[in-house]
Amino acid sequence: EVLLDDYSDPRWVELNIPLVPTVIAFDGDEEVKRIGAAA
């Protein structure tokens, strides 16, 4: 579990997270699947 609490964290942009919560599954460093919040 990784919490991104501060919008200044560059991972918001790097991981393209428009809404929270967002769950991203990785295989190593590669994103394989994601689910984002419904507004």
ModelCIF file with pLDDT and N, C-alpha, C, O atoms, coordinates in Angstrom:
data_MODEL
#
_entry.id   MODEL 
#
_entity.id                         1 
_entity.type                       polymer 
_entity.pdbx_number_of_molecules   1 
#
_entity_poly.entity_id                      1 
_entity_poly.type                           'polypeptide(L)' 
_entity_poly.nstd_linkage                   no 
_entity_poly.nstd_monomer                   no 
_entity_poly.pdbx_seq_one_letter_code       EVLLDDYSDPRWVELNIPLVPTVIAFDGDEEVKRIGAAA 
_entity_poly.pdbx_seq_one_letter_code_can   EVLLDDYSDPRWVELNIPLVPTVIAFDGDEEVKRIGAAA 
_entity_poly.pdbx_strand_id                 A 
#
loop_
_entity_poly_seq.entity_id 
_entity_poly_seq.num 
_entity_poly_seq.mon_id 
_entity_poly_seq.hetero 
1 1  GLU n 
1 2  VAL n 
1 3  LEU n 
1 4  LEU n 
1 5  ASP n 
1 6  ASP n 
1 7  TYR n 
1 8  SER n 
1 9  ASP n 
1 10 PRO n 
1 11 ARG n 
1 12 TRP n 
1 13 VAL n 
1 14 GLU n 
1 15 LEU n 
1 16 ASN n 
1 17 ILE n 
1 18 PRO n 
1 19 LEU n 
1 20 VAL n 
1 21 PRO n 
1 22 THR n 
1 23 VAL n 
1 24 ILE n 
1 25 ALA n 
1 26 PHE n 
1 27 ASP n 
1 28 GLY n 
1 29 ASP n 
1 30 GLU n 
1 31 GLU n 
1 32 VAL n 
1 33 LYS n 
1 34 ARG n 
1 35 ILE n 
1 36 GLY n 
1 37 ALA n 
1 38 ALA n 
1 39 ALA n 
#
_struct_asym.id          A 
_struct_asym.entity_id   1 
#
loop_
_ma_qa_metric.id 
_ma_qa_metric.mode 
_ma_qa_metric.name 
_ma_qa_metric.software_group_id 
_ma_qa_metric.type 
1 global pLDDT . pLDDT 
2 local  pLDDT . pLDDT 
#
_ma_qa_metric_global.metric_id      1 
_ma_qa_metric_global.metric_value   90.74 
_ma_qa_metric_global.model_id       1 
_ma_qa_metric_global.ordinal_id     1 
#
loop_
_ma_qa_metric_local.label_asym_id 
_ma_qa_metric_local.label_comp_id 
_ma_qa_metric_local.label_seq_id 
_ma_qa_metric_local.metric_id 
_ma_qa_metric_local.metric_value 
_ma_qa_metric_local.model_id 
_ma_qa_metric_local.ordinal_id 
A GLU 1  2 81.00 1 1  
A VAL 2  2 82.00 1 2  
A LEU 3  2 82.00 1 3  
A LEU 4  2 87.00 1 4  
A ASP 5  2 87.00 1 5  
A ASP 6  2 86.00 1 6  
A TYR 7  2 86.00 1 7  
A SER 8  2 89.00 1 8  
A ASP 9  2 91.00 1 9  
A PRO 10 2 94.00 1 10 
A ARG 11 2 91.00 1 11 
A TRP 12 2 92.00 1 12 
A VAL 13 2 93.00 1 13 
A GLU 14 2 93.00 1 14 
A LEU 15 2 93.00 1 15 
A ASN 16 2 94.00 1 16 
A ILE 17 2 92.00 1 17 
A PRO 18 2 90.00 1 18 
A LEU 19 2 90.00 1 19 
A VAL 20 2 91.00 1 20 
A PRO 21 2 93.00 1 21 
A THR 22 2 93.00 1 22 
A VAL 23 2 92.00 1 23 
A ILE 24 2 92.00 1 24 
A ALA 25 2 90.00 1 25 
A PHE 26 2 90.00 1 26 
A ASP 27 2 89.00 1 27 
A GLY 28 2 88.00 1 28 
A ASP 29 2 89.00 1 29 
A GLU 30 2 93.00 1 30 
A GLU 31 2 94.00 1 31 
A VAL 32 2 94.00 1 32 
A LYS 33 2 95.00 1 33 
A ARG 34 2 96.00 1 34 
A ILE 35 2 95.00 1 35 
A GLY 36 2 94.00 1 36 
A ALA 37 2 94.00 1 37 
A ALA 38 2 93.00 1 38 
A ALA 39 2 91.00 1 39 
#
loop_
_atom_site.group_PDB 
_atom_site.id 
_atom_site.type_symbol 
_atom_site.label_atom_id 
_atom_site.label_alt_id 
_atom_site.label_comp_id 
_atom_site.label_asym_id 
_atom_site.label_entity_id 
_atom_site.label_seq_id 
_atom_site.pdbx_PDB_ins_code 
_atom_site.Cartn_x 
_atom_site.Cartn_y 
_atom_site.Cartn_z 
_atom_site.occupancy 
_atom_site.B_iso_or_equiv 
_atom_site.pdbx_formal_charge 
_atom_site.auth_seq_id 
_atom_site.auth_comp_id 
_atom_site.auth_asym_id 
_atom_site.auth_atom_id 
_atom_site.pdbx_PDB_model_num 
ATOM 1   N N  . GLU A 1 1  ? 0.850   -1.187 0.000   1.00 81.00 ? 1  GLU A N  1 
ATOM 2   C CA . GLU A 1 1  ? 0.000   0.000  0.000   1.00 81.00 ? 1  GLU A CA 1 
ATOM 3   C C  . GLU A 1 1  ? 0.886   1.238  0.000   1.00 81.00 ? 1  GLU A C  1 
ATOM 4   O O  . GLU A 1 1  ? 1.774   1.384  0.840   1.00 81.00 ? 1  GLU A O  1 
ATOM 5   N N  . VAL A 1 2  ? 0.632   2.121  -0.950  1.00 82.00 ? 2  VAL A N  1 
ATOM 6   C CA . VAL A 1 2  ? 1.368   3.374  -1.031  1.00 82.00 ? 2  VAL A CA 1 
ATOM 7   C C  . VAL A 1 2  ? 0.361   4.505  -0.965  1.00 82.00 ? 2  VAL A C  1 
ATOM 8   O O  . VAL A 1 2  ? -0.584  4.551  -1.752  1.00 82.00 ? 2  VAL A O  1 
ATOM 9   N N  . LEU A 1 3  ? 0.558   5.404  -0.039  1.00 82.00 ? 3  LEU A N  1 
ATOM 10  C CA . LEU A 1 3  ? -0.332  6.552  0.105   1.00 82.00 ? 3  LEU A CA 1 
ATOM 11  C C  . LEU A 1 3  ? 0.324   7.783  -0.490  1.00 82.00 ? 3  LEU A C  1 
ATOM 12  O O  . LEU A 1 3  ? 1.469   8.112  -0.177  1.00 82.00 ? 3  LEU A O  1 
ATOM 13  N N  . LEU A 1 4  ? -0.421  8.457  -1.353  1.00 87.00 ? 4  LEU A N  1 
ATOM 14  C CA . LEU A 1 4  ? 0.039   9.726  -1.899  1.00 87.00 ? 4  LEU A CA 1 
ATOM 15  C C  . LEU A 1 4  ? -0.839  10.811 -1.297  1.00 87.00 ? 4  LEU A C  1 
ATOM 16  O O  . LEU A 1 4  ? -1.954  11.044 -1.763  1.00 87.00 ? 4  LEU A O  1 
ATOM 17  N N  . ASP A 1 5  ? -0.346  11.461 -0.282  1.00 87.00 ? 5  ASP A N  1 
ATOM 18  C CA . ASP A 1 5  ? -1.138  12.451 0.438   1.00 87.00 ? 5  ASP A CA 1 
ATOM 19  C C  . ASP A 1 5  ? -0.939  13.875 -0.053  1.00 87.00 ? 5  ASP A C  1 
ATOM 20  O O  . ASP A 1 5  ? -1.800  14.727 0.167   1.00 87.00 ? 5  ASP A O  1 
ATOM 21  N N  . ASP A 1 6  ? 0.144   14.139 -0.695  1.00 86.00 ? 6  ASP A N  1 
ATOM 22  C CA . ASP A 1 6  ? 0.501   15.495 -1.053  1.00 86.00 ? 6  ASP A CA 1 
ATOM 23  C C  . ASP A 1 6  ? 0.548   15.617 -2.576  1.00 86.00 ? 6  ASP A C  1 
ATOM 24  O O  . ASP A 1 6  ? 1.302   14.903 -3.236  1.00 86.00 ? 6  ASP A O  1 
ATOM 25  N N  . TYR A 1 7  ? -0.255  16.517 -3.128  1.00 86.00 ? 7  TYR A N  1 
ATOM 26  C CA . TYR A 1 7  ? -0.286  16.681 -4.584  1.00 86.00 ? 7  TYR A CA 1 
ATOM 27  C C  . TYR A 1 7  ? 1.071   17.098 -5.156  1.00 86.00 ? 7  TYR A C  1 
ATOM 28  O O  . TYR A 1 7  ? 1.266   17.014 -6.369  1.00 86.00 ? 7  TYR A O  1 
ATOM 29  N N  . SER A 1 8  ? 1.994   17.534 -4.338  1.00 89.00 ? 8  SER A N  1 
ATOM 30  C CA . SER A 1 8  ? 3.315   17.882 -4.854  1.00 89.00 ? 8  SER A CA 1 
ATOM 31  C C  . SER A 1 8  ? 4.161   16.636 -5.114  1.00 89.00 ? 8  SER A C  1 
ATOM 32  O O  . SER A 1 8  ? 5.230   16.735 -5.717  1.00 89.00 ? 8  SER A O  1 
ATOM 33  N N  . ASP A 1 9  ? 3.697   15.463 -4.667  1.00 91.00 ? 9  ASP A N  1 
ATOM 34  C CA . ASP A 1 9  ? 4.410   14.214 -4.933  1.00 91.00 ? 9  ASP A CA 1 
ATOM 35  C C  . ASP A 1 9  ? 4.367   13.958 -6.439  1.00 91.00 ? 9  ASP A C  1 
ATOM 36  O O  . ASP A 1 9  ? 3.279   13.884 -7.009  1.00 91.00 ? 9  ASP A O  1 
ATOM 37  N N  . PRO A 1 10 ? 5.508   13.821 -7.092  1.00 94.00 ? 10 PRO A N  1 
ATOM 38  C CA . PRO A 1 10 ? 5.527   13.651 -8.552  1.00 94.00 ? 10 PRO A CA 1 
ATOM 39  C C  . PRO A 1 10 ? 4.840   12.375 -9.042  1.00 94.00 ? 10 PRO A C  1 
ATOM 40  O O  . PRO A 1 10 ? 4.529   12.263 -10.227 1.00 94.00 ? 10 PRO A O  1 
ATOM 41  N N  . ARG A 1 11 ? 4.601   11.417 -8.153  1.00 91.00 ? 11 ARG A N  1 
ATOM 42  C CA . ARG A 1 11 ? 3.948   10.176 -8.583  1.00 91.00 ? 11 ARG A CA 1 
ATOM 43  C C  . ARG A 1 11 ? 2.505   10.390 -9.011  1.00 91.00 ? 11 ARG A C  1 
ATOM 44  O O  . ARG A 1 11 ? 1.969   9.578  -9.765  1.00 91.00 ? 11 ARG A O  1 
ATOM 45  N N  . TRP A 1 12 ? 1.845   11.482 -8.545  1.00 92.00 ? 12 TRP A N  1 
ATOM 46  C CA . TRP A 1 12 ? 0.494   11.793 -9.020  1.00 92.00 ? 12 TRP A CA 1 
ATOM 47  C C  . TRP A 1 12 ? 0.490   11.905 -10.542 1.00 92.00 ? 12 TRP A C  1 
ATOM 48  O O  . TRP A 1 12 ? -0.391  11.370 -11.215 1.00 92.00 ? 12 TRP A O  1 
ATOM 49  N N  . VAL A 1 13 ? 1.486   12.605 -11.070 1.00 93.00 ? 13 VAL A N  1 
ATOM 50  C CA . VAL A 1 13 ? 1.582   12.809 -12.513 1.00 93.00 ? 13 VAL A CA 1 
ATOM 51  C C  . VAL A 1 13 ? 2.187   11.580 -13.184 1.00 93.00 ? 13 VAL A C  1 
ATOM 52  O O  . VAL A 1 13 ? 1.673   11.115 -14.202 1.00 93.00 ? 13 VAL A O  1 
ATOM 53  N N  . GLU A 1 14 ? 3.258   11.059 -12.631 1.00 93.00 ? 14 GLU A N  1 
ATOM 54  C CA . GLU A 1 14 ? 3.933   9.903  -13.222 1.00 93.00 ? 14 GLU A CA 1 
ATOM 55  C C  . GLU A 1 14 ? 2.985   8.718  -13.391 1.00 93.00 ? 14 GLU A C  1 
ATOM 56  O O  . GLU A 1 14 ? 3.047   8.008  -14.395 1.00 93.00 ? 14 GLU A O  1 
ATOM 57  N N  . LEU A 1 15 ? 2.110   8.504  -12.412 1.00 93.00 ? 15 LEU A N  1 
ATOM 58  C CA . LEU A 1 15 ? 1.194   7.365  -12.458 1.00 93.00 ? 15 LEU A CA 1 
ATOM 59  C C  . LEU A 1 15 ? -0.176  7.735  -13.038 1.00 93.00 ? 15 LEU A C  1 
ATOM 60  O O  . LEU A 1 15 ? -1.065  6.889  -13.133 1.00 93.00 ? 15 LEU A O  1 
ATOM 61  N N  . ASN A 1 16 ? -0.337  9.003  -13.424 1.00 94.00 ? 16 ASN A N  1 
ATOM 62  C CA . ASN A 1 16 ? -1.583  9.472  -14.027 1.00 94.00 ? 16 ASN A CA 1 
ATOM 63  C C  . ASN A 1 16 ? -2.789  9.111  -13.156 1.00 94.00 ? 16 ASN A C  1 
ATOM 64  O O  . ASN A 1 16 ? -3.658  8.342  -13.568 1.00 94.00 ? 16 ASN A O  1 
ATOM 65  N N  . ILE A 1 17 ? -2.827  9.669  -11.965 1.00 92.00 ? 17 ILE A N  1 
ATOM 66  C CA . ILE A 1 17 ? -3.905  9.391  -11.016 1.00 92.00 ? 17 ILE A CA 1 
ATOM 67  C C  . ILE A 1 17 ? -4.848  10.593 -10.983 1.00 92.00 ? 17 ILE A C  1 
ATOM 68  O O  . ILE A 1 17 ? -4.549  11.600 -10.340 1.00 92.00 ? 17 ILE A O  1 
ATOM 69  N N  . PRO A 1 18 ? -6.000  10.490 -11.683 1.00 90.00 ? 18 PRO A N  1 
ATOM 70  C CA . PRO A 1 18 ? -6.923  11.612 -11.696 1.00 90.00 ? 18 PRO A CA 1 
ATOM 71  C C  . PRO A 1 18 ? -7.871  11.635 -10.500 1.00 90.00 ? 18 PRO A C  1 
ATOM 72  O O  . PRO A 1 18 ? -8.295  12.706 -10.067 1.00 90.00 ? 18 PRO A O  1 
ATOM 73  N N  . LEU A 1 19 ? -8.202  10.467 -9.968  1.00 90.00 ? 19 LEU A N  1 
ATOM 74  C CA . LEU A 1 19 ? -9.120  10.365 -8.827  1.00 90.00 ? 19 LEU A CA 1 
ATOM 75  C C  . LEU A 1 19 ? -8.573  9.354  -7.829  1.00 90.00 ? 19 LEU A C  1 
ATOM 76  O O  . LEU A 1 19 ? -7.837  8.438  -8.197  1.00 90.00 ? 19 LEU A O  1 
ATOM 77  N N  . VAL A 1 20 ? -8.935  9.527  -6.577  1.00 91.00 ? 20 VAL A N  1 
ATOM 78  C CA . VAL A 1 20 ? -8.547  8.561  -5.553  1.00 91.00 ? 20 VAL A CA 1 
ATOM 79  C C  . VAL A 1 20 ? -9.808  7.992  -4.922  1.00 91.00 ? 20 VAL A C  1 
ATOM 80  O O  . VAL A 1 20 ? -10.822 8.684  -4.832  1.00 91.00 ? 20 VAL A O  1 
ATOM 81  N N  . PRO A 1 21 ? -9.757  6.749  -4.488  1.00 93.00 ? 21 PRO A N  1 
ATOM 82  C CA . PRO A 1 21 ? -8.617  5.839  -4.550  1.00 93.00 ? 21 PRO A CA 1 
ATOM 83  C C  . PRO A 1 21 ? -8.383  5.312  -5.961  1.00 93.00 ? 21 PRO A C  1 
ATOM 84  O O  . PRO A 1 21 ? -9.296  5.243  -6.784  1.00 93.00 ? 21 PRO A O  1 
ATOM 85  N N  . THR A 1 22 ? -7.153  4.951  -6.209  1.00 93.00 ? 22 THR A N  1 
ATOM 86  C CA . THR A 1 22 ? -6.744  4.267  -7.428  1.00 93.00 ? 22 THR A CA 1 
ATOM 87  C C  . THR A 1 22 ? -5.889  3.086  -6.987  1.00 93.00 ? 22 THR A C  1 
ATOM 88  O O  . THR A 1 22 ? -5.021  3.225  -6.126  1.00 93.00 ? 22 THR A O  1 
ATOM 89  N N  . VAL A 1 23 ? -6.141  1.920  -7.583  1.00 92.00 ? 23 VAL A N  1 
ATOM 90  C CA . VAL A 1 23 ? -5.331  0.727  -7.301  1.00 92.00 ? 23 VAL A CA 1 
ATOM 91  C C  . VAL A 1 23 ? -4.627  0.350  -8.593  1.00 92.00 ? 23 VAL A C  1 
ATOM 92  O O  . VAL A 1 23 ? -5.261  0.197  -9.637  1.00 92.00 ? 23 VAL A O  1 
ATOM 93  N N  . ILE A 1 24 ? -3.321  0.202  -8.515  1.00 92.00 ? 24 ILE A N  1 
ATOM 94  C CA . ILE A 1 24 ? -2.520  -0.159 -9.682  1.00 92.00 ? 24 ILE A CA 1 
ATOM 95  C C  . ILE A 1 24 ? -1.749  -1.435 -9.350  1.00 92.00 ? 24 ILE A C  1 
ATOM 96  O O  . ILE A 1 24 ? -1.066  -1.515 -8.329  1.00 92.00 ? 24 ILE A O  1 
ATOM 97  N N  . ALA A 1 25 ? -1.871  -2.430 -10.228 1.00 90.00 ? 25 ALA A N  1 
ATOM 98  C CA . ALA A 1 25 ? -1.121  -3.677 -10.066 1.00 90.00 ? 25 ALA A CA 1 
ATOM 99  C C  . ALA A 1 25 ? 0.127   -3.597 -10.948 1.00 90.00 ? 25 ALA A C  1 
ATOM 100 O O  . ALA A 1 25 ? 0.058   -3.211 -12.116 1.00 90.00 ? 25 ALA A O  1 
ATOM 101 N N  . PHE A 1 26 ? 1.258   -3.966 -10.368 1.00 90.00 ? 26 PHE A N  1 
ATOM 102 C CA . PHE A 1 26 ? 2.525   -3.951 -11.088 1.00 90.00 ? 26 PHE A CA 1 
ATOM 103 C C  . PHE A 1 26 ? 3.112   -5.351 -11.140 1.00 90.00 ? 26 PHE A C  1 
ATOM 104 O O  . PHE A 1 26 ? 2.926   -6.158 -10.229 1.00 90.00 ? 26 PHE A O  1 
ATOM 105 N N  . ASP A 1 27 ? 3.817   -5.617 -12.215 1.00 89.00 ? 27 ASP A N  1 
ATOM 106 C CA . ASP A 1 27 ? 4.676   -6.798 -12.325 1.00 89.00 ? 27 ASP A CA 1 
ATOM 107 C C  . ASP A 1 27 ? 6.075   -6.229 -12.440 1.00 89.00 ? 27 ASP A C  1 
ATOM 108 O O  . ASP A 1 27 ? 6.492   -5.785 -13.510 1.00 89.00 ? 27 ASP A O  1 
ATOM 109 N N  . GLY A 1 28 ? 6.793   -6.245 -11.335 1.00 88.00 ? 28 GLY A N  1 
ATOM 110 C CA . GLY A 1 28 ? 8.067   -5.538 -11.296 1.00 88.00 ? 28 GLY A CA 1 
ATOM 111 C C  . GLY A 1 28 ? 7.782   -4.050 -11.365 1.00 88.00 ? 28 GLY A C  1 
ATOM 112 O O  . GLY A 1 28 ? 7.047   -3.511 -10.539 1.00 88.00 ? 28 GLY A O  1 
ATOM 113 N N  . ASP A 1 29 ? 8.370   -3.387 -12.360 1.00 89.00 ? 29 ASP A N  1 
ATOM 114 C CA . ASP A 1 29 ? 8.145   -1.948 -12.548 1.00 89.00 ? 29 ASP A CA 1 
ATOM 115 C C  . ASP A 1 29 ? 7.068   -1.657 -13.581 1.00 89.00 ? 29 ASP A C  1 
ATOM 116 O O  . ASP A 1 29 ? 6.759   -0.493 -13.837 1.00 89.00 ? 29 ASP A O  1 
ATOM 117 N N  . GLU A 1 30 ? 6.490   -2.701 -14.181 1.00 93.00 ? 30 GLU A N  1 
ATOM 118 C CA . GLU A 1 30 ? 5.518   -2.512 -15.255 1.00 93.00 ? 30 GLU A CA 1 
ATOM 119 C C  . GLU A 1 30 ? 4.085   -2.569 -14.727 1.00 93.00 ? 30 GLU A C  1 
ATOM 120 O O  . GLU A 1 30 ? 3.702   -3.516 -14.040 1.00 93.00 ? 30 GLU A O  1 
ATOM 121 N N  . GLU A 1 31 ? 3.302   -1.543 -15.056 1.00 94.00 ? 31 GLU A N  1 
ATOM 122 C CA . GLU A 1 31 ? 1.887   -1.535 -14.691 1.00 94.00 ? 31 GLU A CA 1 
ATOM 123 C C  . GLU A 1 31 ? 1.161   -2.552 -15.567 1.00 94.00 ? 31 GLU A C  1 
ATOM 124 O O  . GLU A 1 31 ? 1.294   -2.547 -16.791 1.00 94.00 ? 31 GLU A O  1 
ATOM 125 N N  . VAL A 1 32 ? 0.388   -3.425 -14.914 1.00 94.00 ? 32 VAL A N  1 
ATOM 126 C CA . VAL A 1 32 ? -0.350  -4.442 -15.666 1.00 94.00 ? 32 VAL A CA 1 
ATOM 127 C C  . VAL A 1 32 ? -1.855  -4.255 -15.593 1.00 94.00 ? 32 VAL A C  1 
ATOM 128 O O  . VAL A 1 32 ? -2.580  -4.762 -16.449 1.00 94.00 ? 32 VAL A O  1 
ATOM 129 N N  . LYS A 1 33 ? -2.336  -3.541 -14.594 1.00 95.00 ? 33 LYS A N  1 
ATOM 130 C CA . LYS A 1 33 ? -3.772  -3.380 -14.438 1.00 95.00 ? 33 LYS A CA 1 
ATOM 131 C C  . LYS A 1 33 ? -4.026  -2.242 -13.459 1.00 95.00 ? 33 LYS A C  1 
ATOM 132 O O  . LYS A 1 33 ? -3.219  -1.980 -12.567 1.00 95.00 ? 33 LYS A O  1 
ATOM 133 N N  . ARG A 1 34 ? -5.172  -1.562 -13.640 1.00 96.00 ? 34 ARG A N  1 
ATOM 134 C CA . ARG A 1 34 ? -5.515  -0.487 -12.714 1.00 96.00 ? 34 ARG A CA 1 
ATOM 135 C C  . ARG A 1 34 ? -7.024  -0.360 -12.606 1.00 96.00 ? 34 ARG A C  1 
ATOM 136 O O  . ARG A 1 34 ? -7.770  -0.689 -13.528 1.00 96.00 ? 34 ARG A O  1 
ATOM 137 N N  . ILE A 1 35 ? -7.441  0.122  -11.460 1.00 95.00 ? 35 ILE A N  1 
ATOM 138 C CA . ILE A 1 35 ? -8.838  0.494  -11.252 1.00 95.00 ? 35 ILE A CA 1 
ATOM 139 C C  . ILE A 1 35 ? -8.821  1.835  -10.543 1.00 95.00 ? 35 ILE A C  1 
ATOM 140 O O  . ILE A 1 35 ? -8.118  2.032  -9.551  1.00 95.00 ? 35 ILE A O  1 
ATOM 141 N N  . GLY A 1 36 ? -9.610  2.745  -11.076 1.00 94.00 ? 36 GLY A N  1 
ATOM 142 C CA . GLY A 1 36 ? -9.698  4.062  -10.480 1.00 94.00 ? 36 GLY A CA 1 
ATOM 143 C C  . GLY A 1 36 ? -11.089 4.292  -9.920  1.00 94.00 ? 36 GLY A C  1 
ATOM 144 O O  . GLY A 1 36 ? -12.048 3.607  -10.275 1.00 94.00 ? 36 GLY A O  1 
ATOM 145 N N  . ALA A 1 37 ? -11.170 5.244  -9.065  1.00 94.00 ? 37 ALA A N  1 
ATOM 146 C CA . ALA A 1 37 ? -12.431 5.586  -8.410  1.00 94.00 ? 37 ALA A CA 1 
ATOM 147 C C  . ALA A 1 37 ? -13.458 6.076  -9.417  1.00 94.00 ? 37 ALA A C  1 
ATOM 148 O O  . ALA A 1 37 ? -13.124 6.709  -10.419 1.00 94.00 ? 37 ALA A O  1 
ATOM 149 N N  . ALA A 1 38 ? -14.697 5.772  -9.130  1.00 93.00 ? 38 ALA A N  1 
ATOM 150 C CA . ALA A 1 38 ? -15.802 6.392  -9.839  1.00 93.00 ? 38 ALA A CA 1 
ATOM 151 C C  . ALA A 1 38 ? -16.103 7.696  -9.095  1.00 93.00 ? 38 ALA A C  1 
ATOM 152 O O  . ALA A 1 38 ? -16.190 7.710  -7.867  1.00 93.00 ? 38 ALA A O  1 
ATOM 153 N N  . ALA A 1 39 ? -16.257 8.769  -9.830  1.00 91.00 ? 39 ALA A N  1 
ATOM 154 C CA . ALA A 1 39 ? -16.487 10.081 -9.206  1.00 91.00 ? 39 ALA A CA 1 
ATOM 155 C C  . ALA A 1 39 ? -17.687 10.028 -8.269  1.00 91.00 ? 39 ALA A C  1 
ATOM 156 O O  . ALA A 1 39 ? -18.035 11.036 -7.654  1.00 91.00 ? 39 ALA A O  1 
#
